[in-house]
Amino acid sequence: MCPEEDRKPARKTCMKCEISMCVQHLQAHLTTPVLLQTHPLTEPMALDGNIKCPHHGKLLEYYCLDDMNCVCVSCSIEDQHRLHNMKTFPTAHKELTEKLGAEQQVLKEKTDDDNKSPEKWEKREREKLGRCSVRLIEAVTNLRDISLTSVQSSVSGRMVSIRTSSSSMQAAQKETDTFKFLQMYSQVHQDVEKAKAVDLRRGLEPGKDRDKLVQEIRRNGEKMVKQASQFVESLLALVDPENHQEPLTTGSDLIFEPQSFTPSMSLSKDKRKIFYHSWLGQCSATVLISSTQSAPNFQRWVVSLTKDTDWMVGLCDKQSTNNLKKGPVYGLFCKDNRLGYLTTEYDDFPAVPSNSEEEDGIIICNQMSVSSASLTHQGEDGNESVPRPEKVEVLWNFIGSTLSFFSRTGQYQREEIITIKMSHNNRSLAPFVQLGVENIQSRPPQNWQCSCGQVYIRDTTGYRRKQLSGYNFRCSCGTTVGSPCVTDAVCELLQ
């Protein structure tokens, strides 16, 4: 706005007027209320035609945080941006600057952490792999030395026979007296025949010493193979950590805490194994998994599960263990040998009345909905059910708000089943395992008929005769009531 002969440095640029102004010419924009409210000012900038919307020809006044681009007022209320997170330029500038500052701090902490520096990491991995390789080399060397020393000792003993026969033959050949020669020949002949029978290529002579050494070689050989396997798996875990994990080292402190147990269920003394006694009723239990150690970034647990009952593993609200779907729940379940998963979503709508209802497999309770879905994969005949795992590894990532489930196929190998993104990542959630029927009280009684014709009703406690309240373990004919009495371990925490 300054005349050509007296141009002054610009202090602000008006986006609407598309001009830059010095302090003097800027006063009108700063003192006129209408201009102050409707004419956005920025730091001095070159106006090259990119301040207007290419679609509507209007001034760009807003920033879409979802699409990360500048938009005009028409874009913000008419087009695809109308439901997006819109900010004015100054507000967007402030928020994004703060966000970059926070991200910069996170990256700085990551690079400044001595334990995570490339040099520390390389040293730590080299030492770890070095220990594995040293143990492997020591095992191989020990096995080699034991074998060579034993065989060498045996061969040396057999060489004595050859030297003895050689000395006898030399002495006989030097003897000139015929009578003495013939007297010596019998012994010389025995020494020669014994020497000829010696096989220096054979190993140890048959006997206790050889049997003992063979057992020792096999025992040390098994250790060597195990150490070689551990070394290879350590390399695989280094190169491909997603599919090859090193042994878990933080699982010995985990224990089961029973929340609901039928009389047929019991815990081991160390509280890491659940037993089912078939003659005492249905298999049904809900347990929490507790730990004496705290994990700042993630928690991991592995459970071995029976093939003979339904189960569910995951995270639930501690106050809703009697009915998991009343609170937030995330889990992997197996029902009728088919895998599926549960997840919880929160709605932005007003709360639903307390008398929640179930519609199309979705349970709605206040602003929370718990939904379930089956797990399938592409097979030869189209979609097939995901195979039922015998060992399930669960990884709860606090920072990423994810819950991942894996099928443990070996000490180190695992295959991912599913990762659930959690909308409710509160540390009040707790790991849980549910076995058998969720609501056993609602199941109808089951009848069992003895070969003599007597009928017994089975409920949650045991078997009883019709019209009678007492429970029976044997029929009046002497037959054991119900199925054979079996005690099985149906769930176990693994290290």
Protein backbone atom coordinates (compact mmCIF):
# COMPACT_ATOMS: atom_id res chain seq x y z
CA MET A 1 0.00 0.00 0.00
CA CYS A 2 2.98 2.33 0.35
CA PRO A 3 3.83 4.54 -2.65
CA GLU A 4 6.69 3.38 -4.86
CA GLU A 5 9.07 6.11 -3.65
CA ASP A 6 8.46 5.46 0.08
CA ARG A 7 7.97 1.70 0.64
CA LYS A 8 8.22 0.52 4.24
CA PRO A 9 8.67 -3.05 5.60
CA ALA A 10 5.40 -4.98 5.82
CA ARG A 11 4.19 -6.05 9.30
CA LYS A 12 1.05 -8.05 8.42
CA THR A 13 -0.70 -9.51 5.39
CA CYS A 14 -4.50 -9.40 5.08
CA MET A 15 -5.70 -12.69 3.63
CA LYS A 16 -9.03 -11.22 2.50
CA CYS A 17 -7.67 -7.99 0.98
CA GLU A 18 -4.69 -9.91 -0.39
CA ILE A 19 -2.29 -7.07 0.48
CA SER A 20 0.66 -6.62 2.84
CA MET A 21 0.74 -3.53 5.07
CA CYS A 22 3.25 -1.51 7.05
CA VAL A 23 2.58 -0.26 10.59
CA GLN A 24 0.85 2.91 9.37
CA HIS A 25 -1.49 1.27 6.86
CA LEU A 26 -2.23 -1.60 9.28
CA GLN A 27 -3.97 0.67 11.79
CA ALA A 28 -7.31 0.58 9.96
CA HIS A 29 -7.46 -3.22 10.22
CA LEU A 30 -6.58 -3.10 13.92
CA THR A 31 -9.00 -0.37 14.95
CA THR A 32 -12.06 -1.04 12.79
CA PRO A 33 -14.19 -3.74 14.51
CA VAL A 34 -15.61 -5.14 11.26
CA LEU A 35 -12.18 -5.47 9.67
CA LEU A 36 -10.72 -6.90 12.85
CA GLN A 37 -13.36 -9.66 12.97
CA THR A 38 -13.66 -10.57 9.29
CA HIS A 39 -10.21 -9.92 7.83
CA PRO A 40 -7.68 -12.56 9.01
CA LEU A 41 -4.15 -11.23 9.41
CA THR A 42 -0.97 -13.28 9.08
CA GLU A 43 2.72 -12.66 9.19
CA PRO A 44 3.99 -11.01 6.01
CA MET A 45 3.89 -13.46 3.14
CA ALA A 46 4.14 -13.50 -0.65
CA LEU A 47 0.69 -13.79 -2.23
CA ASP A 48 0.95 -16.21 -5.13
CA GLY A 49 -2.72 -17.17 -5.59
CA ASN A 50 -2.73 -20.17 -3.22
CA ILE A 51 -4.81 -18.50 -0.50
CA LYS A 52 -8.16 -19.23 -2.17
CA CYS A 53 -10.07 -22.50 -2.42
CA PRO A 54 -9.61 -24.09 -5.87
CA HIS A 55 -13.16 -25.54 -5.66
CA HIS A 56 -15.17 -22.55 -4.42
CA GLY A 57 -12.88 -19.57 -5.04
CA LYS A 58 -13.28 -18.44 -1.44
CA LEU A 59 -10.63 -17.49 1.06
CA LEU A 60 -8.97 -20.40 2.88
CA GLU A 61 -9.82 -19.78 6.53
CA TYR A 62 -9.88 -23.20 8.23
CA TYR A 63 -7.60 -26.17 8.65
CA CYS A 64 -8.98 -29.74 8.55
CA LEU A 65 -7.07 -31.81 11.12
CA ASP A 66 -8.44 -35.07 9.67
CA ASP A 67 -7.31 -34.46 6.07
CA MET A 68 -4.48 -32.06 7.02
CA ASN A 69 -5.24 -29.37 4.46
CA CYS A 70 -6.61 -25.82 4.31
CA VAL A 71 -10.27 -25.32 3.37
CA CYS A 72 -12.75 -22.51 2.89
CA VAL A 73 -16.02 -21.98 4.73
CA SER A 74 -18.01 -23.76 1.98
CA CYS A 75 -15.79 -26.83 2.23
CA SER A 76 -16.31 -26.92 5.99
CA ILE A 77 -20.11 -26.99 5.83
CA GLU A 78 -20.93 -28.61 2.47
CA ASP A 79 -18.31 -31.06 1.26
CA GLN A 80 -16.61 -34.10 2.79
CA HIS A 81 -15.06 -31.94 5.52
CA ARG A 82 -18.38 -31.06 7.19
CA LEU A 83 -18.04 -33.84 9.81
CA HIS A 84 -14.30 -33.41 10.27
CA ASN A 85 -12.33 -31.71 13.02
CA MET A 86 -11.99 -28.10 11.78
CA LYS A 87 -9.84 -25.37 13.35
CA THR A 88 -9.11 -21.75 12.54
CA PHE A 89 -5.60 -21.07 11.36
CA PRO A 90 -4.30 -19.62 14.66
CA THR A 91 -5.84 -22.44 16.72
CA ALA A 92 -4.54 -25.13 14.33
CA HIS A 93 -1.11 -23.51 14.36
CA LYS A 94 -1.00 -23.53 18.15
CA GLU A 95 -2.29 -27.11 18.57
CA LEU A 96 -0.06 -28.60 15.88
CA THR A 97 2.98 -26.77 17.22
CA GLU A 98 2.30 -28.23 20.66
CA LYS A 99 1.82 -31.67 19.13
CA LEU A 100 5.15 -31.44 17.30
CA GLY A 101 6.80 -30.38 20.54
CA ALA A 102 5.40 -33.42 22.35
CA GLU A 103 6.44 -35.77 19.54
CA GLN A 104 9.88 -34.21 19.47
CA GLN A 105 10.21 -34.87 23.20
CA VAL A 106 9.21 -38.52 22.73
CA LEU A 107 11.80 -38.95 19.99
CA LYS A 108 14.40 -37.15 22.09
CA GLU A 109 13.75 -39.46 25.04
CA LYS A 110 14.06 -42.44 22.72
CA THR A 111 17.40 -41.30 21.30
CA ASP A 112 18.74 -40.05 24.66
CA ASP A 113 18.01 -43.33 26.45
CA ASP A 114 21.39 -45.01 26.87
CA ASN A 115 19.77 -48.43 27.09
CA LYS A 116 18.19 -47.92 23.64
CA SER A 117 21.23 -46.46 21.87
CA PRO A 118 22.53 -48.48 18.87
CA GLU A 119 25.86 -49.06 20.63
CA LYS A 120 24.22 -50.37 23.82
CA TRP A 121 21.78 -52.48 21.82
CA GLU A 122 24.55 -54.03 19.72
CA LYS A 123 26.67 -54.75 22.79
CA ARG A 124 23.71 -56.32 24.61
CA GLU A 125 22.73 -58.52 21.65
CA ARG A 126 26.35 -59.55 21.02
CA GLU A 127 26.77 -60.56 24.66
CA LYS A 128 23.52 -62.52 24.63
CA LEU A 129 24.34 -64.34 21.39
CA GLY A 130 27.91 -64.75 22.59
CA ARG A 131 26.75 -66.57 25.72
CA CYS A 132 24.63 -68.91 23.59
CA SER A 133 27.47 -69.61 21.18
CA VAL A 134 30.00 -70.14 24.01
CA ARG A 135 27.72 -72.71 25.68
CA LEU A 136 27.24 -74.45 22.33
CA ILE A 137 30.99 -74.51 21.59
CA GLU A 138 31.73 -75.80 25.09
CA ALA A 139 29.17 -78.59 24.68
CA VAL A 140 30.59 -79.61 21.28
CA THR A 141 34.18 -79.46 22.54
CA ASN A 142 33.36 -81.48 25.65
CA LEU A 143 31.58 -84.14 23.60
CA ARG A 144 34.50 -84.33 21.19
CA ASP A 145 37.16 -84.57 23.90
CA ILE A 146 35.31 -87.30 25.84
CA SER A 147 34.90 -89.43 22.71
CA LEU A 148 38.44 -88.96 21.39
CA THR A 149 40.10 -89.52 24.78
CA SER A 150 38.17 -92.74 25.42
CA VAL A 151 38.79 -94.18 21.95
CA GLN A 152 42.45 -93.15 22.03
CA SER A 153 42.90 -94.95 25.35
CA SER A 154 41.26 -98.07 23.92
CA VAL A 155 43.37 -97.98 20.74
CA SER A 156 46.53 -97.52 22.78
CA GLY A 157 45.66 -100.66 24.74
CA ARG A 158 45.23 -102.60 21.52
CA MET A 159 48.57 -101.33 20.22
CA VAL A 160 50.25 -103.13 23.14
CA SER A 161 49.27 -106.47 21.59
CA ILE A 162 50.86 -105.52 18.27
CA ARG A 163 54.08 -104.34 19.95
CA THR A 164 54.21 -107.52 22.06
CA SER A 165 53.87 -109.77 19.01
CA SER A 166 56.46 -107.73 17.14
CA SER A 167 58.96 -108.15 20.00
CA SER A 168 58.24 -111.89 20.21
CA MET A 169 58.79 -112.35 16.46
CA GLN A 170 62.08 -110.44 16.54
CA ALA A 171 63.34 -112.53 19.46
CA ALA A 172 62.36 -115.79 17.72
CA GLN A 173 64.01 -114.75 14.45
CA LYS A 174 67.29 -114.07 16.28
CA GLU A 175 67.27 -117.43 18.03
CA THR A 176 69.79 -119.80 16.26
CA ASP A 177 69.30 -122.81 18.51
CA THR A 178 66.65 -125.03 16.88
CA PHE A 179 65.35 -126.56 20.10
CA LYS A 180 64.92 -123.21 21.85
CA PHE A 181 63.29 -121.73 18.71
CA LEU A 182 60.67 -124.51 18.64
CA GLN A 183 59.96 -124.07 22.35
CA MET A 184 59.42 -120.32 21.81
CA TYR A 185 57.28 -120.67 18.68
CA SER A 186 54.03 -121.66 20.45
CA GLN A 187 53.96 -118.42 22.48
CA VAL A 188 55.06 -116.33 19.51
CA HIS A 189 52.26 -117.82 17.42
CA GLN A 190 49.68 -116.89 20.08
CA ASP A 191 50.99 -113.30 20.22
CA VAL A 192 50.85 -113.00 16.43
CA GLU A 193 47.30 -114.33 16.17
CA LYS A 194 46.20 -111.98 18.92
CA ALA A 195 47.82 -109.03 17.13
CA LYS A 196 46.25 -110.01 13.79
CA ALA A 197 42.80 -109.93 15.45
CA VAL A 198 43.28 -106.33 16.53
CA ASP A 199 41.18 -103.77 14.52
CA LEU A 200 42.46 -100.26 15.13
CA ARG A 201 39.49 -98.76 13.25
CA ARG A 202 36.97 -100.01 15.78
CA GLY A 203 35.75 -97.86 18.66
CA LEU A 204 35.70 -99.00 22.25
CA GLU A 205 35.70 -102.64 23.13
CA PRO A 206 32.28 -103.99 24.19
CA GLY A 207 31.63 -103.74 27.91
CA LYS A 208 30.49 -101.50 30.74
CA ASP A 209 32.91 -98.70 29.83
CA ARG A 210 31.53 -98.44 26.30
CA ASP A 211 27.89 -98.57 27.48
CA LYS A 212 28.56 -95.85 30.04
CA LEU A 213 30.24 -93.62 27.46
CA VAL A 214 27.42 -94.13 24.95
CA GLN A 215 24.89 -92.97 27.56
CA GLU A 216 27.02 -89.95 28.39
CA ILE A 217 27.37 -89.01 24.71
CA ARG A 218 23.63 -89.25 24.20
CA ARG A 219 22.93 -87.16 27.29
CA ASN A 220 25.44 -84.46 26.33
CA GLY A 221 24.32 -84.69 22.71
CA GLU A 222 20.75 -83.86 23.67
CA LYS A 223 22.00 -80.83 25.60
CA MET A 224 24.07 -79.78 22.60
CA VAL A 225 21.11 -80.06 20.24
CA LYS A 226 18.98 -78.03 22.66
CA GLN A 227 21.66 -75.34 22.94
CA ALA A 228 22.04 -75.27 19.15
CA SER A 229 18.27 -74.85 18.83
CA GLN A 230 18.30 -72.01 21.36
CA PHE A 231 21.12 -70.29 19.49
CA VAL A 232 19.26 -70.55 16.16
CA GLU A 233 16.03 -69.33 17.72
CA SER A 234 17.85 -66.37 19.31
CA LEU A 235 19.05 -65.40 15.84
CA LEU A 236 15.52 -65.80 14.43
CA ALA A 237 14.06 -63.70 17.26
CA LEU A 238 16.61 -61.00 16.44
CA VAL A 239 15.85 -61.01 12.71
CA ASP A 240 12.10 -61.81 12.76
CA PRO A 241 10.73 -60.86 16.21
CA GLU A 242 7.07 -60.86 15.06
CA ASN A 243 7.04 -64.61 14.42
CA HIS A 244 9.84 -65.82 16.71
CA GLN A 245 9.77 -64.87 20.36
CA GLU A 246 12.30 -65.78 23.01
CA PRO A 247 11.10 -67.76 26.05
CA LEU A 248 8.91 -65.85 28.47
CA THR A 249 10.77 -64.81 31.60
CA THR A 250 8.06 -63.02 33.58
CA GLY A 251 5.39 -65.70 33.94
CA SER A 252 6.33 -67.45 37.20
CA ASP A 253 4.64 -64.80 39.36
CA LEU A 254 1.22 -65.20 37.72
CA ILE A 255 -1.54 -67.02 39.60
CA PHE A 256 -5.25 -67.74 39.20
CA GLU A 257 -7.78 -65.96 41.43
CA PRO A 258 -11.13 -67.82 41.34
CA GLN A 259 -14.20 -65.62 40.91
CA SER A 260 -16.84 -68.29 40.30
CA PHE A 261 -16.24 -72.02 40.71
CA THR A 262 -18.71 -74.89 40.50
CA PRO A 263 -18.11 -77.78 42.91
CA SER A 264 -16.50 -79.74 40.07
CA MET A 265 -13.56 -77.30 39.80
CA SER A 266 -10.45 -76.97 41.96
CA LEU A 267 -7.06 -75.22 41.99
CA SER A 268 -3.57 -76.66 42.39
CA LYS A 269 -1.51 -75.62 45.42
CA ASP A 270 0.56 -73.15 43.38
CA LYS A 271 -2.69 -71.68 41.93
CA ARG A 272 -1.43 -72.10 38.38
CA LYS A 273 -3.53 -75.09 37.31
CA ILE A 274 -7.29 -75.70 37.25
CA PHE A 275 -8.72 -79.21 37.62
CA TYR A 276 -12.13 -80.55 36.63
CA HIS A 277 -13.69 -83.49 38.49
CA SER A 278 -16.24 -84.91 36.08
CA TRP A 279 -18.40 -86.74 38.67
CA LEU A 280 -19.17 -83.52 40.57
CA GLY A 281 -21.10 -81.69 37.86
CA GLN A 282 -20.61 -79.37 34.91
CA CYS A 283 -17.27 -77.75 34.05
CA SER A 284 -17.65 -74.02 34.70
CA ALA A 285 -15.23 -71.46 36.14
CA THR A 286 -14.22 -67.83 35.83
CA VAL A 287 -10.80 -66.81 37.16
CA LEU A 288 -8.71 -63.65 37.10
CA ILE A 289 -4.97 -63.75 36.46
CA SER A 290 -2.99 -61.64 38.92
CA SER A 291 0.68 -60.73 39.07
CA THR A 292 2.98 -59.53 41.85
CA GLN A 293 5.07 -57.61 39.33
CA SER A 294 4.10 -54.46 37.44
CA ALA A 295 4.74 -54.02 33.73
CA PRO A 296 4.89 -50.35 32.62
CA ASN A 297 4.34 -50.92 28.89
CA PHE A 298 2.79 -54.35 28.38
CA GLN A 299 1.65 -57.52 30.10
CA ARG A 300 1.94 -61.01 28.68
CA TRP A 301 0.55 -64.39 29.74
CA VAL A 302 0.30 -67.86 28.21
CA VAL A 303 -2.33 -70.48 29.08
CA SER A 304 -2.70 -74.10 28.06
CA LEU A 305 -6.36 -75.01 27.48
CA THR A 306 -8.19 -78.32 27.25
CA LYS A 307 -9.74 -79.54 24.01
CA ASP A 308 -12.82 -80.86 25.83
CA THR A 309 -14.58 -77.65 26.89
CA ASP A 310 -15.41 -74.16 25.70
CA TRP A 311 -13.28 -71.27 26.94
CA MET A 312 -12.66 -67.53 26.74
CA VAL A 313 -9.41 -65.62 27.41
CA GLY A 314 -8.83 -61.87 27.55
CA LEU A 315 -9.49 -58.74 29.62
CA CYS A 316 -12.60 -57.86 31.62
CA ASP A 317 -13.81 -55.41 34.20
CA LYS A 318 -13.03 -56.70 37.69
CA GLN A 319 -16.52 -55.84 38.87
CA SER A 320 -18.26 -57.83 36.11
CA THR A 321 -16.76 -61.29 36.45
CA ASN A 322 -20.18 -62.84 37.17
CA ASN A 323 -21.49 -61.51 33.85
CA LEU A 324 -18.64 -60.42 31.63
CA LYS A 325 -20.81 -58.57 29.13
CA LYS A 326 -22.04 -56.12 31.77
CA GLY A 327 -18.68 -54.38 31.67
CA PRO A 328 -16.03 -53.73 29.05
CA VAL A 329 -14.60 -57.04 27.81
CA TYR A 330 -12.12 -57.98 25.11
CA GLY A 331 -11.35 -61.61 24.46
CA LEU A 332 -10.80 -64.65 22.30
CA PHE A 333 -13.27 -67.49 22.78
CA CYS A 334 -13.78 -71.04 21.58
CA LYS A 335 -17.34 -72.33 21.47
CA ASP A 336 -18.24 -75.67 19.87
CA ASN A 337 -14.66 -75.84 18.50
CA ARG A 338 -15.10 -72.54 16.63
CA LEU A 339 -13.00 -69.48 17.40
CA GLY A 340 -14.40 -65.98 17.77
CA TYR A 341 -13.64 -62.74 19.55
CA LEU A 342 -15.39 -60.19 21.77
CA THR A 343 -14.79 -56.45 21.66
CA THR A 344 -16.32 -53.40 23.32
CA GLU A 345 -17.25 -50.14 21.59
CA TYR A 346 -18.49 -46.88 23.09
CA ASP A 347 -21.18 -44.80 21.39
CA ASP A 348 -21.55 -41.03 21.23
CA PHE A 349 -25.32 -41.30 21.75
CA PRO A 350 -27.23 -40.71 25.02
CA ALA A 351 -27.22 -43.51 27.53
CA VAL A 352 -29.59 -46.40 26.95
CA PRO A 353 -31.95 -47.22 29.85
CA SER A 354 -30.63 -49.66 32.42
CA ASN A 355 -32.82 -52.49 31.15
CA SER A 356 -30.30 -53.28 28.38
CA GLU A 357 -31.30 -55.63 25.60
CA GLU A 358 -29.62 -57.87 23.09
CA GLU A 359 -30.12 -57.33 19.37
CA ASP A 360 -28.45 -59.30 16.56
CA GLY A 361 -25.66 -60.54 18.78
CA ILE A 362 -24.90 -57.04 20.16
CA ILE A 363 -25.54 -56.34 23.83
CA ILE A 364 -26.28 -52.64 24.42
CA CYS A 365 -25.70 -51.32 27.93
CA ASN A 366 -25.68 -47.58 28.50
CA GLN A 367 -23.13 -46.11 26.07
CA MET A 368 -21.22 -49.39 25.72
CA SER A 369 -21.83 -52.23 23.27
CA VAL A 370 -20.18 -55.65 23.42
CA SER A 371 -20.15 -57.47 20.10
CA SER A 372 -18.85 -60.85 18.98
CA ALA A 373 -17.70 -62.23 15.64
CA SER A 374 -16.39 -65.53 14.29
CA LEU A 375 -12.81 -65.96 13.11
CA THR A 376 -12.27 -67.50 9.66
CA HIS A 377 -9.46 -67.74 7.13
CA GLN A 378 -9.28 -68.53 3.43
CA GLY A 379 -8.94 -72.28 2.89
CA GLU A 380 -9.13 -74.67 -0.04
CA ASP A 381 -12.93 -74.79 0.18
CA GLY A 382 -13.45 -71.08 0.83
CA ASN A 383 -13.73 -69.55 4.30
CA GLU A 384 -12.82 -72.01 7.05
CA SER A 385 -12.76 -71.71 10.83
CA VAL A 386 -9.42 -70.75 12.36
CA PRO A 387 -7.89 -73.86 13.99
CA ARG A 388 -8.39 -74.15 17.74
CA PRO A 389 -5.10 -73.47 19.60
CA GLU A 390 -3.93 -75.62 22.50
CA LYS A 391 -1.76 -72.84 23.94
CA VAL A 392 -2.83 -69.20 23.78
CA GLU A 393 -0.40 -66.30 24.31
CA VAL A 394 -1.94 -62.92 25.11
CA LEU A 395 -0.10 -59.60 24.83
CA TRP A 396 -1.67 -56.48 26.33
CA ASN A 397 0.03 -53.36 24.97
CA PHE A 398 -0.79 -50.47 27.31
CA ILE A 399 0.73 -47.77 25.10
CA GLY A 400 -0.75 -48.98 21.81
CA SER A 401 -4.13 -49.86 23.41
CA THR A 402 -4.12 -53.26 21.71
CA LEU A 403 -4.77 -56.83 22.84
CA SER A 404 -3.10 -59.49 20.68
CA PHE A 405 -3.72 -63.24 20.71
CA PHE A 406 -1.26 -65.83 19.41
CA SER A 407 -1.26 -69.59 19.01
CA ARG A 408 1.88 -70.98 20.64
CA THR A 409 3.18 -73.76 18.39
CA GLY A 410 6.50 -74.29 20.18
CA GLN A 411 8.81 -72.86 22.80
CA TYR A 412 9.66 -69.93 20.55
CA GLN A 413 7.25 -70.10 17.60
CA ARG A 414 3.88 -68.38 17.59
CA GLU A 415 1.24 -67.50 15.01
CA GLU A 416 -0.94 -64.42 15.39
CA ILE A 417 -4.66 -65.13 15.62
CA ILE A 418 -6.03 -61.57 15.98
CA THR A 419 -5.15 -58.15 17.39
CA ILE A 420 -8.01 -56.13 18.89
CA LYS A 421 -7.84 -52.33 19.06
CA MET A 422 -9.21 -51.38 22.46
CA SER A 423 -11.45 -48.34 22.93
CA HIS A 424 -11.30 -48.74 26.71
CA ASN A 425 -7.67 -49.08 27.82
CA ASN A 426 -8.11 -48.66 31.56
CA ARG A 427 -5.67 -50.44 33.82
CA SER A 428 -8.60 -51.44 36.00
CA LEU A 429 -9.20 -54.19 33.44
CA ALA A 430 -7.82 -57.57 34.46
CA PRO A 431 -6.72 -60.71 32.59
CA PHE A 432 -9.24 -63.52 32.91
CA VAL A 433 -10.02 -67.07 31.80
CA GLN A 434 -13.51 -68.49 31.60
CA LEU A 435 -14.04 -72.23 31.23
CA GLY A 436 -17.13 -74.18 30.27
CA VAL A 437 -20.61 -72.73 30.37
CA GLU A 438 -20.87 -69.01 31.20
CA ASN A 439 -24.26 -69.19 32.90
CA ILE A 440 -24.50 -72.74 34.17
CA GLN A 441 -27.39 -71.92 36.51
CA SER A 442 -29.64 -71.31 33.51
CA ARG A 443 -28.93 -74.66 31.87
CA PRO A 444 -31.68 -77.29 32.15
CA PRO A 445 -30.92 -80.40 34.27
CA GLN A 446 -29.53 -83.42 32.42
CA ASN A 447 -30.80 -86.95 33.00
CA TRP A 448 -28.72 -90.11 33.26
CA GLN A 449 -30.31 -93.57 33.13
CA CYS A 450 -28.67 -96.60 34.70
CA SER A 451 -28.74 -100.00 32.95
CA CYS A 452 -31.17 -101.17 35.65
CA GLY A 453 -33.65 -98.50 34.53
CA GLN A 454 -33.25 -96.06 37.41
CA VAL A 455 -33.16 -92.39 36.24
CA TYR A 456 -31.02 -89.71 37.88
CA ILE A 457 -31.14 -85.94 37.36
CA ARG A 458 -27.85 -84.05 37.04
CA ASP A 459 -27.58 -80.45 38.20
CA THR A 460 -24.69 -78.16 39.20
CA THR A 461 -23.96 -80.20 42.35
CA GLY A 462 -24.23 -83.81 41.19
CA TYR A 463 -26.75 -86.61 40.48
CA ARG A 464 -29.95 -87.26 42.43
CA ARG A 465 -32.95 -89.52 41.96
CA LYS A 466 -36.24 -88.04 40.83
CA GLN A 467 -38.48 -86.85 43.66
CA LEU A 468 -35.52 -87.07 46.12
CA SER A 469 -33.26 -84.30 47.39
CA GLY A 470 -30.17 -86.34 48.32
CA TYR A 471 -27.30 -86.89 45.89
CA ASN A 472 -26.08 -90.35 44.87
CA PHE A 473 -22.70 -91.59 43.76
CA ARG A 474 -23.83 -95.20 43.27
CA CYS A 475 -27.07 -96.68 42.02
CA SER A 476 -28.97 -99.21 44.14
CA CYS A 477 -27.66 -101.88 41.75
CA GLY A 478 -24.04 -100.92 42.55
CA THR A 479 -23.25 -99.06 39.28
CA THR A 480 -21.42 -95.73 39.55
CA VAL A 481 -23.89 -92.96 38.74
CA GLY A 482 -23.08 -90.79 35.72
CA SER A 483 -20.01 -90.81 33.49
CA PRO A 484 -16.71 -92.39 34.59
CA CYS A 485 -15.01 -90.47 37.41
CA VAL A 486 -12.17 -88.50 35.77
CA THR A 487 -10.02 -85.62 37.02
CA ASP A 488 -8.42 -83.56 34.27
CA ALA A 489 -6.25 -80.43 34.21
CA VAL A 490 -8.31 -78.14 31.99
CA CYS A 491 -6.24 -74.95 32.20
CA GLU A 492 -2.65 -74.13 33.18
CA LEU A 493 -0.52 -70.98 33.31
CA LEU A 494 2.74 -71.51 31.43
CA GLN A 495 6.06 -69.77 31.93
